[in-house]
Amino acid sequence: MIITIDGPAAAGKGTLAATLAEKYHLAYFDTGMVYRAVGLEMRQKGLDRQDEAQAEAIARNLTFPKMIELSKDPEFRSSEGGVAASIVSAHPKVRAALLKMQQDFALNPVFADGTPANGAIYDGRDTGTVVCPAADVKFFITASTEVRAKRRYDELKAKGSDISFEKVLEDMKSRDARDAERSAAPMKPAEDAVIFDTSALNIQEVVAKTEEIIGNKLKKQL
């Protein structure tokens, strides 16, 4: 089974994806990691992330082991790392270079230890529309900009960041605009995706709703 979960930053995609992956014993692929890896490597090398040719060159040489290694850097999951990922993901040539890596995972999904899995859950922004358009179940998770900014702000503060809420909100609004306006695979729900607004929902409520939908799908496959 292939499940896709798309939506903007801090909408709850990652928590939901990890929860469902554990429940259904599926491999979990956070597609945002590939863009964060490209953005971080460009930063480390002093490259201009707005330069599509330079970003494409980094993307074409990205491997899963390199991505995992880069993910250990403290900046990888930072607010700045998210901005960097959004910038490089707007380059059509970067998305094209990384698309095959993401699609191949659905053909041969594996867990973090390399053992085979019977399916995968994708967490991203265009996994239901571009990466896995034939996925068995598609979700699009969203929430108001202010709610998402507060979630990200609380997360960063818990990690010791001194960033202001205003800065987090500003970055989120800019990132949303880039994701929605990019010419290559703009962020939007797939036509057959189930849409959830989590502004007033807790994770337990969202999980319960998605499990019901997945359960009905599994029953139809029997």
C-alpha atoms as a PDB file:
ATOM      1  CA  MET A   1       0.000   0.000   0.000  1.00  0.00           C
ATOM      2  CA  ILE A   2       1.188   3.493  -0.853  1.00  0.00           C
ATOM      3  CA  ILE A   3      -0.185   6.433   1.142  1.00  0.00           C
ATOM      4  CA  THR A   4       0.618  10.084   0.430  1.00  0.00           C
ATOM      5  CA  ILE A   5       0.265  12.943   2.907  1.00  0.00           C
ATOM      6  CA  ASP A   6       0.748  16.420   1.478  1.00  0.00           C
ATOM      7  CA  GLY A   7       0.289  19.916   2.846  1.00  0.00           C
ATOM      8  CA  PRO A   8       2.085  23.045   4.042  1.00  0.00           C
ATOM      9  CA  ALA A   9       4.698  23.275   6.797  1.00  0.00           C
ATOM     10  CA  ALA A  10       3.620  22.543  10.391  1.00  0.00           C
ATOM     11  CA  ALA A  11       0.180  21.278   9.382  1.00  0.00           C
ATOM     12  CA  GLY A  12       0.842  17.969  11.144  1.00  0.00           C
ATOM     13  CA  LYS A  13       1.934  15.826   8.178  1.00  0.00           C
ATOM     14  CA  GLY A  14       5.058  14.453   9.807  1.00  0.00           C
ATOM     15  CA  THR A  15       3.412  13.384  13.054  1.00  0.00           C
ATOM     16  CA  LEU A  16       0.537  11.793  11.171  1.00  0.00           C
ATOM     17  CA  ALA A  17       2.830  10.022   8.704  1.00  0.00           C
ATOM     18  CA  ALA A  18       5.054   8.609  11.446  1.00  0.00           C
ATOM     19  CA  THR A  19       2.032   7.415  13.433  1.00  0.00           C
ATOM     20  CA  LEU A  20       0.417   5.695  10.459  1.00  0.00           C
ATOM     21  CA  ALA A  21       3.720   4.185   9.309  1.00  0.00           C
ATOM     22  CA  GLU A  22       4.157   2.532  12.701  1.00  0.00           C
ATOM     23  CA  LYS A  23       0.557   1.310  12.897  1.00  0.00           C
ATOM     24  CA  TYR A  24       0.503  -0.228   9.411  1.00  0.00           C
ATOM     25  CA  HIS A  25       4.195  -1.199   9.398  1.00  0.00           C
ATOM     26  CA  LEU A  26       5.008   0.849   6.307  1.00  0.00           C
ATOM     27  CA  ALA A  27       8.255   2.554   5.306  1.00  0.00           C
ATOM     28  CA  TYR A  28       8.244   6.323   5.885  1.00  0.00           C
ATOM     29  CA  PHE A  29       9.716   8.736   3.340  1.00  0.00           C
ATOM     30  CA  ASP A  30       9.831  12.409   4.308  1.00  0.00           C
ATOM     31  CA  THR A  31      10.376  13.901   0.841  1.00  0.00           C
ATOM     32  CA  GLY A  32      11.190  17.284   2.344  1.00  0.00           C
ATOM     33  CA  MET A  33      14.492  15.766   3.461  1.00  0.00           C
ATOM     34  CA  VAL A  34      15.823  15.684  -0.093  1.00  0.00           C
ATOM     35  CA  TYR A  35      15.283  19.423  -0.510  1.00  0.00           C
ATOM     36  CA  ARG A  36      16.624  20.226   2.944  1.00  0.00           C
ATOM     37  CA  ALA A  37      19.711  18.174   2.072  1.00  0.00           C
ATOM     38  CA  VAL A  38      20.296  20.104  -1.150  1.00  0.00           C
ATOM     39  CA  GLY A  39      19.747  23.442   0.591  1.00  0.00           C
ATOM     40  CA  LEU A  40      22.067  22.565   3.475  1.00  0.00           C
ATOM     41  CA  GLU A  41      24.858  21.253   1.240  1.00  0.00           C
ATOM     42  CA  MET A  42      24.687  24.449  -0.830  1.00  0.00           C
ATOM     43  CA  ARG A  43      24.921  26.508   2.356  1.00  0.00           C
ATOM     44  CA  GLN A  44      27.900  24.489   3.545  1.00  0.00           C
ATOM     45  CA  LYS A  45      29.653  25.070   0.224  1.00  0.00           C
ATOM     46  CA  GLY A  46      28.804  28.757   0.107  1.00  0.00           C
ATOM     47  CA  LEU A  47      26.640  28.394  -3.010  1.00  0.00           C
ATOM     48  CA  ASP A  48      23.723  30.628  -3.992  1.00  0.00           C
ATOM     49  CA  ARG A  49      20.511  28.667  -3.465  1.00  0.00           C
ATOM     50  CA  GLN A  50      18.778  30.905  -5.996  1.00  0.00           C
ATOM     51  CA  ASP A  51      21.174  29.599  -8.686  1.00  0.00           C
ATOM     52  CA  GLU A  52      19.261  26.786 -10.377  1.00  0.00           C
ATOM     53  CA  ALA A  53      22.287  25.321 -12.178  1.00  0.00           C
ATOM     54  CA  GLN A  54      24.294  25.026  -8.969  1.00  0.00           C
ATOM     55  CA  ALA A  55      21.313  23.593  -7.102  1.00  0.00           C
ATOM     56  CA  GLU A  56      20.701  21.036  -9.871  1.00  0.00           C
ATOM     57  CA  ALA A  57      24.318  19.873  -9.723  1.00  0.00           C
ATOM     58  CA  ILE A  58      24.012  19.242  -5.970  1.00  0.00           C
ATOM     59  CA  ALA A  59      20.663  17.456  -6.442  1.00  0.00           C
ATOM     60  CA  ARG A  60      22.006  15.110  -9.135  1.00  0.00           C
ATOM     61  CA  ASN A  61      24.792  13.960  -6.808  1.00  0.00           C
ATOM     62  CA  LEU A  62      22.580  13.446  -3.766  1.00  0.00           C
ATOM     63  CA  THR A  63      22.392   9.876  -2.467  1.00  0.00           C
ATOM     64  CA  PHE A  64      20.375   8.401   0.386  1.00  0.00           C
ATOM     65  CA  PRO A  65      23.502   7.868   2.562  1.00  0.00           C
ATOM     66  CA  LYS A  66      24.558  11.491   1.973  1.00  0.00           C
ATOM     67  CA  MET A  67      21.049  12.705   2.786  1.00  0.00           C
ATOM     68  CA  ILE A  68      21.035  10.754   6.068  1.00  0.00           C
ATOM     69  CA  GLU A  69      24.450  12.168   6.970  1.00  0.00           C
ATOM     70  CA  LEU A  70      23.338  15.738   6.256  1.00  0.00           C
ATOM     71  CA  SER A  71      20.211  15.197   8.357  1.00  0.00           C
ATOM     72  CA  LYS A  72      22.409  14.917  11.449  1.00  0.00           C
ATOM     73  CA  ASP A  73      23.417  18.585  11.127  1.00  0.00           C
ATOM     74  CA  PRO A  74      21.566  20.834  13.636  1.00  0.00           C
ATOM     75  CA  GLU A  75      20.650  23.220  10.808  1.00  0.00           C
ATOM     76  CA  PHE A  76      18.871  20.479   8.866  1.00  0.00           C
ATOM     77  CA  ARG A  77      15.576  20.806  10.777  1.00  0.00           C
ATOM     78  CA  SER A  78      15.935  24.487  11.636  1.00  0.00           C
ATOM     79  CA  SER A  79      13.672  27.277  10.394  1.00  0.00           C
ATOM     80  CA  GLU A  80      16.479  28.365   8.090  1.00  0.00           C
ATOM     81  CA  GLY A  81      16.709  24.803   6.782  1.00  0.00           C
ATOM     82  CA  GLY A  82      13.023  24.941   5.887  1.00  0.00           C
ATOM     83  CA  VAL A  83      13.472  28.221   4.036  1.00  0.00           C
ATOM     84  CA  ALA A  84      16.434  26.782   2.136  1.00  0.00           C
ATOM     85  CA  ALA A  85      14.417  23.695   1.176  1.00  0.00           C
ATOM     86  CA  SER A  86      11.576  25.873  -0.098  1.00  0.00           C
ATOM     87  CA  ILE A  87      13.957  27.962  -2.222  1.00  0.00           C
ATOM     88  CA  VAL A  88      15.713  25.042  -3.933  1.00  0.00           C
ATOM     89  CA  SER A  89      12.473  23.086  -4.373  1.00  0.00           C
ATOM     90  CA  ALA A  90      11.133  25.919  -6.525  1.00  0.00           C
ATOM     91  CA  HIS A  91      13.749  25.129  -9.198  1.00  0.00           C
ATOM     92  CA  PRO A  92      12.188  22.846 -11.865  1.00  0.00           C
ATOM     93  CA  LYS A  93      15.538  21.209 -12.663  1.00  0.00           C
ATOM     94  CA  VAL A  94      16.131  20.362  -8.997  1.00  0.00           C
ATOM     95  CA  ARG A  95      12.707  18.751  -8.694  1.00  0.00           C
ATOM     96  CA  ALA A  96      13.323  16.766 -11.877  1.00  0.00           C
ATOM     97  CA  ALA A  97      16.705  15.563 -10.610  1.00  0.00           C
ATOM     98  CA  LEU A  98      15.215  14.330  -7.323  1.00  0.00           C
ATOM     99  CA  LEU A  99      11.936  12.936  -8.665  1.00  0.00           C
ATOM    100  CA  LYS A 100      13.286   9.544  -9.750  1.00  0.00           C
ATOM    101  CA  MET A 101      14.836   8.935  -6.316  1.00  0.00           C
ATOM    102  CA  GLN A 102      11.477   9.553  -4.696  1.00  0.00           C
ATOM    103  CA  GLN A 103       9.489   7.462  -7.190  1.00  0.00           C
ATOM    104  CA  ASP A 104      11.892   4.517  -7.006  1.00  0.00           C
ATOM    105  CA  PHE A 105      11.239   4.278  -3.277  1.00  0.00           C
ATOM    106  CA  ALA A 106       7.607   3.327  -3.948  1.00  0.00           C
ATOM    107  CA  LEU A 107       8.775   0.443  -6.145  1.00  0.00           C
ATOM    108  CA  ASN A 108      11.157  -0.915  -3.510  1.00  0.00           C
ATOM    109  CA  PRO A 109      10.278   0.588  -0.107  1.00  0.00           C
ATOM    110  CA  VAL A 110      12.636  -0.176   2.752  1.00  0.00           C
ATOM    111  CA  PHE A 111      12.798   0.667   6.429  1.00  0.00           C
ATOM    112  CA  ALA A 112      15.608   2.753   7.911  1.00  0.00           C
ATOM    113  CA  ASP A 113      17.631  -0.410   8.568  1.00  0.00           C
ATOM    114  CA  GLY A 114      17.379  -1.454   4.917  1.00  0.00           C
ATOM    115  CA  THR A 115      14.877  -4.291   5.352  1.00  0.00           C
ATOM    116  CA  PRO A 116      12.059  -4.501   2.762  1.00  0.00           C
ATOM    117  CA  ALA A 117       8.628  -3.051   3.524  1.00  0.00           C
ATOM    118  CA  ASN A 118       5.247  -3.943   2.049  1.00  0.00           C
ATOM    119  CA  GLY A 119       4.438  -0.323   1.289  1.00  0.00           C
ATOM    120  CA  ALA A 120       5.280   3.264   2.077  1.00  0.00           C
ATOM    121  CA  ILE A 121       3.909   6.502   3.431  1.00  0.00           C
ATOM    122  CA  TYR A 122       5.076   9.673   1.724  1.00  0.00           C
ATOM    123  CA  ASP A 123       5.168  13.004   3.556  1.00  0.00           C
ATOM    124  CA  GLY A 124       5.572  16.032   1.302  1.00  0.00           C
ATOM    125  CA  ARG A 125       3.950  18.704  -0.809  1.00  0.00           C
ATOM    126  CA  ASP A 126       3.392  17.063  -4.191  1.00  0.00           C
ATOM    127  CA  THR A 127       3.581  13.336  -3.427  1.00  0.00           C
ATOM    128  CA  GLY A 128      -0.064  12.710  -4.333  1.00  0.00           C
ATOM    129  CA  THR A 129       0.025  14.810  -7.492  1.00  0.00           C
ATOM    130  CA  VAL A 130       3.521  14.181  -8.902  1.00  0.00           C
ATOM    131  CA  VAL A 131       5.598  11.605  -7.013  1.00  0.00           C
ATOM    132  CA  CYS A 132       2.939   8.906  -6.554  1.00  0.00           C
ATOM    133  CA  PRO A 133      -0.184   9.902  -8.522  1.00  0.00           C
ATOM    134  CA  ALA A 134      -1.384   6.271  -8.398  1.00  0.00           C
ATOM    135  CA  ALA A 135      -1.151   6.016  -4.591  1.00  0.00           C
ATOM    136  CA  ASP A 136      -3.825   3.911  -2.877  1.00  0.00           C
ATOM    137  CA  VAL A 137      -4.813   6.642  -0.396  1.00  0.00           C
ATOM    138  CA  LYS A 138      -4.072  10.373  -0.539  1.00  0.00           C
ATOM    139  CA  PHE A 139      -4.429  12.961   2.211  1.00  0.00           C
ATOM    140  CA  PHE A 140      -3.904  16.727   2.181  1.00  0.00           C
ATOM    141  CA  ILE A 141      -3.358  18.160   5.673  1.00  0.00           C
ATOM    142  CA  THR A 142      -3.583  21.908   6.259  1.00  0.00           C
ATOM    143  CA  ALA A 143      -4.244  24.536   8.960  1.00  0.00           C
ATOM    144  CA  SER A 144      -4.353  28.314   9.200  1.00  0.00           C
ATOM    145  CA  THR A 145      -1.043  30.141   8.758  1.00  0.00           C
ATOM    146  CA  GLU A 146      -1.152  31.525  12.311  1.00  0.00           C
ATOM    147  CA  VAL A 147      -1.807  28.110  13.862  1.00  0.00           C
ATOM    148  CA  ARG A 148       1.003  26.523  11.879  1.00  0.00           C
ATOM    149  CA  ALA A 149       3.411  29.343  12.747  1.00  0.00           C
ATOM    150  CA  LYS A 150       2.602  28.958  16.455  1.00  0.00           C
ATOM    151  CA  ARG A 151       3.249  25.204  16.238  1.00  0.00           C
ATOM    152  CA  ARG A 152       6.602  25.740  14.544  1.00  0.00           C
ATOM    153  CA  TYR A 153       7.508  28.547  16.961  1.00  0.00           C
ATOM    154  CA  ASP A 154       6.789  26.335  19.988  1.00  0.00           C
ATOM    155  CA  GLU A 155       8.815  23.514  18.419  1.00  0.00           C
ATOM    156  CA  LEU A 156      11.816  25.766  17.806  1.00  0.00           C
ATOM    157  CA  LYS A 157      11.626  27.358  21.270  1.00  0.00           C
ATOM    158  CA  ALA A 158      11.594  23.892  22.838  1.00  0.00           C
ATOM    159  CA  LYS A 159      14.866  23.218  21.037  1.00  0.00           C
ATOM    160  CA  GLY A 160      16.424  26.378  22.475  1.00  0.00           C
ATOM    161  CA  SER A 161      16.010  28.720  19.509  1.00  0.00           C
ATOM    162  CA  ASP A 162      15.662  32.444  20.251  1.00  0.00           C
ATOM    163  CA  ILE A 163      13.729  33.141  17.027  1.00  0.00           C
ATOM    164  CA  SER A 164      10.683  35.415  17.349  1.00  0.00           C
ATOM    165  CA  PHE A 165       7.135  34.387  16.506  1.00  0.00           C
ATOM    166  CA  GLU A 166       6.964  37.258  14.009  1.00  0.00           C
ATOM    167  CA  LYS A 167       9.988  35.886  12.147  1.00  0.00           C
ATOM    168  CA  VAL A 168       8.536  32.367  12.069  1.00  0.00           C
ATOM    169  CA  LEU A 169       5.217  33.727  10.751  1.00  0.00           C
ATOM    170  CA  GLU A 170       6.974  35.824   8.109  1.00  0.00           C
ATOM    171  CA  ASP A 171       9.068  32.851   6.948  1.00  0.00           C
ATOM    172  CA  MET A 172       5.990  30.622   6.810  1.00  0.00           C
ATOM    173  CA  LYS A 173       4.007  33.090   4.707  1.00  0.00           C
ATOM    174  CA  SER A 174       6.921  33.440   2.273  1.00  0.00           C
ATOM    175  CA  ARG A 175       7.373  29.679   2.091  1.00  0.00           C
ATOM    176  CA  ASP A 176       3.668  29.100   1.457  1.00  0.00           C
ATOM    177  CA  ALA A 177       3.774  31.617  -1.388  1.00  0.00           C
ATOM    178  CA  ARG A 178       6.787  29.939  -3.002  1.00  0.00           C
ATOM    179  CA  ASP A 179       5.214  26.486  -2.665  1.00  0.00           C
ATOM    180  CA  ALA A 180       1.914  27.622  -4.183  1.00  0.00           C
ATOM    181  CA  GLU A 181       3.359  29.731  -6.993  1.00  0.00           C
ATOM    182  CA  ARG A 182       6.265  27.617  -8.234  1.00  0.00           C
ATOM    183  CA  SER A 183       5.890  26.551 -11.851  1.00  0.00           C
ATOM    184  CA  ALA A 184       7.135  23.032 -11.147  1.00  0.00           C
ATOM    185  CA  ALA A 185       4.481  21.079  -9.250  1.00  0.00           C
ATOM    186  CA  PRO A 186       2.817  23.781  -7.151  1.00  0.00           C
ATOM    187  CA  MET A 187       1.532  22.570  -3.796  1.00  0.00           C
ATOM    188  CA  LYS A 188      -2.130  21.644  -4.084  1.00  0.00           C
ATOM    189  CA  PRO A 189      -4.369  18.712  -3.133  1.00  0.00           C
ATOM    190  CA  ALA A 190      -4.667  15.835  -5.587  1.00  0.00           C
ATOM    191  CA  GLU A 191      -8.152  15.649  -7.093  1.00  0.00           C
ATOM    192  CA  ASP A 192      -8.802  12.415  -5.197  1.00  0.00           C
ATOM    193  CA  ALA A 193      -7.179  13.484  -1.917  1.00  0.00           C
ATOM    194  CA  VAL A 194      -9.063  13.640   1.373  1.00  0.00           C
ATOM    195  CA  ILE A 195      -8.536  17.115   2.852  1.00  0.00           C
ATOM    196  CA  PHE A 196      -8.255  17.785   6.594  1.00  0.00           C
ATOM    197  CA  ASP A 197      -7.961  21.214   8.233  1.00  0.00           C
ATOM    198  CA  THR A 198      -6.206  20.550  11.543  1.00  0.00           C
ATOM    199  CA  SER A 199      -6.533  24.094  12.937  1.00  0.00           C
ATOM    200  CA  ALA A 200      -9.075  22.917  15.525  1.00  0.00           C
ATOM    201  CA  LEU A 201      -8.183  19.200  15.569  1.00  0.00           C
ATOM    202  CA  ASN A 202      -5.662  17.407  17.757  1.00  0.00           C
ATOM    203  CA  ILE A 203      -3.438  14.653  16.394  1.00  0.00           C
ATOM    204  CA  GLN A 204      -5.563  11.898  17.945  1.00  0.00           C
ATOM    205  CA  GLU A 205      -8.642  13.141  16.082  1.00  0.00           C
ATOM    206  CA  VAL A 206      -6.768  13.357  12.785  1.00  0.00           C
ATOM    207  CA  VAL A 207      -5.278   9.878  13.233  1.00  0.00           C
ATOM    208  CA  ALA A 208      -8.716   8.412  13.977  1.00  0.00           C
ATOM    209  CA  LYS A 209     -10.214   9.968  10.836  1.00  0.00           C
ATOM    210  CA  THR A 210      -7.367   8.801   8.578  1.00  0.00           C
ATOM    211  CA  GLU A 211      -7.344   5.285  10.069  1.00  0.00           C
ATOM    212  CA  GLU A 212     -11.042   4.949   9.272  1.00  0.00           C
ATOM    213  CA  ILE A 213     -10.419   5.864   5.636  1.00  0.00           C
ATOM    214  CA  ILE A 214      -7.420   3.536   5.332  1.00  0.00           C
ATOM    215  CA  GLY A 215      -9.361   0.732   7.015  1.00  0.00           C
ATOM    216  CA  ASN A 216     -12.191   1.063   4.498  1.00  0.00           C
ATOM    217  CA  LYS A 217      -9.642   0.950   1.677  1.00  0.00           C
ATOM    218  CA  LEU A 218      -8.058  -2.226   3.052  1.00  0.00           C
ATOM    219  CA  LYS A 219     -11.463  -3.890   3.368  1.00  0.00           C
ATOM    220  CA  LYS A 220     -12.162  -3.197  -0.332  1.00  0.00           C
ATOM    221  CA  GLN A 221      -8.851  -4.819  -1.269  1.00  0.00           C
ATOM    222  CA  LEU A 222      -9.738  -8.080   0.480  1.00  0.00           C
END
